[in-house]
């Protein structure tokens, strides 16, 4: 027997479903590579904006570090 989902579990599930729908929409509109890239940019903007609002400089530094590593990986 399955139990009903908790409020936090429902929120996480809706968030996952939304992100999957967004990724699919970007890919359908722009193609596989460019759509995936635009989706990644959207995620980076969202997480960066949230970290900035919180004043979480460690998260912003980590985000910048990860983006720089991606840049080096694909341009070297």
Protein backbone atom coordinates (compact mmCIF):
# COMPACT_ATOMS: atom_id res chain seq x y z
CA UNK A 1 0.00 0.00 0.00
CA UNK A 2 1.33 3.42 -0.96
CA UNK A 3 1.17 6.28 1.46
CA UNK A 4 0.20 9.78 0.36
CA UNK A 5 3.13 12.04 -0.41
CA UNK A 6 4.17 14.64 2.11
CA UNK A 7 3.92 18.30 1.18
CA UNK A 8 7.70 18.52 0.73
CA UNK A 9 7.71 15.40 -1.45
CA UNK A 10 4.93 16.80 -3.63
CA UNK A 11 6.86 20.06 -4.01
CA UNK A 12 10.02 18.18 -5.03
CA UNK A 13 8.06 16.05 -7.51
CA UNK A 14 6.40 19.10 -9.09
CA UNK A 15 9.77 20.82 -9.33
CA UNK A 16 11.29 17.78 -11.07
CA UNK A 17 8.34 17.56 -13.46
CA UNK A 18 8.64 21.28 -14.26
CA UNK A 19 12.37 21.01 -14.99
CA UNK A 20 11.85 17.98 -17.22
CA UNK A 21 9.14 19.84 -19.14
CA UNK A 22 11.40 22.90 -19.49
CA UNK A 23 14.30 20.80 -20.77
CA UNK A 24 12.05 19.06 -23.27
CA UNK A 25 10.64 22.38 -24.49
CA UNK A 26 14.13 23.87 -24.98
CA UNK A 27 15.27 20.77 -26.89
CA UNK A 28 12.16 20.73 -29.10
CA UNK A 29 12.55 24.41 -29.89
CA UNK A 30 16.33 24.62 -30.40
CA UNK A 31 17.56 21.09 -31.10
CA UNK A 32 19.43 18.63 -28.89
CA UNK A 33 22.73 20.46 -28.29
CA UNK A 34 21.59 24.07 -28.22
CA UNK A 35 18.43 23.20 -26.28
CA UNK A 36 20.44 21.39 -23.60
CA UNK A 37 22.80 24.38 -23.44
CA UNK A 38 19.96 26.88 -23.02
CA UNK A 39 18.46 24.69 -20.30
CA UNK A 40 21.82 24.67 -18.50
CA UNK A 41 22.04 28.46 -18.76
CA UNK A 42 18.52 28.75 -17.30
CA UNK A 43 19.53 26.54 -14.36
CA UNK A 44 22.70 28.54 -13.74
CA UNK A 45 20.73 31.81 -13.80
CA UNK A 46 18.15 30.44 -11.39
CA UNK A 47 20.65 29.03 -8.90
CA UNK A 48 22.86 32.10 -9.16
CA UNK A 49 19.95 34.46 -8.56
CA UNK A 50 18.81 32.46 -5.51
CA UNK A 51 22.34 32.36 -4.08
CA UNK A 52 22.71 36.10 -4.63
CA UNK A 53 19.42 36.81 -2.83
CA UNK A 54 20.55 34.66 0.10
CA UNK A 55 23.93 36.37 0.12
CA UNK A 56 25.61 32.97 -0.28
CA UNK A 57 28.99 33.93 -1.70
CA UNK A 58 30.33 30.39 -1.33
CA UNK A 59 27.63 29.07 -3.66
CA UNK A 60 28.36 31.85 -6.17
CA UNK A 61 32.08 31.07 -6.08
CA UNK A 62 31.35 27.38 -6.57
CA UNK A 63 29.07 28.15 -9.49
CA UNK A 64 31.71 30.37 -11.10
CA UNK A 65 34.36 27.70 -10.55
CA UNK A 66 32.19 25.01 -12.16
CA UNK A 67 31.38 27.24 -15.13
CA UNK A 68 35.05 28.01 -15.62
CA UNK A 69 35.87 24.29 -15.53
CA UNK A 70 33.22 23.63 -18.20
CA UNK A 71 34.64 26.42 -20.32
CA UNK A 72 38.16 25.01 -20.07
CA UNK A 73 36.98 21.48 -20.82
CA UNK A 74 35.27 22.52 -24.04
CA UNK A 75 37.73 25.11 -25.31
CA UNK A 76 41.07 23.42 -24.60
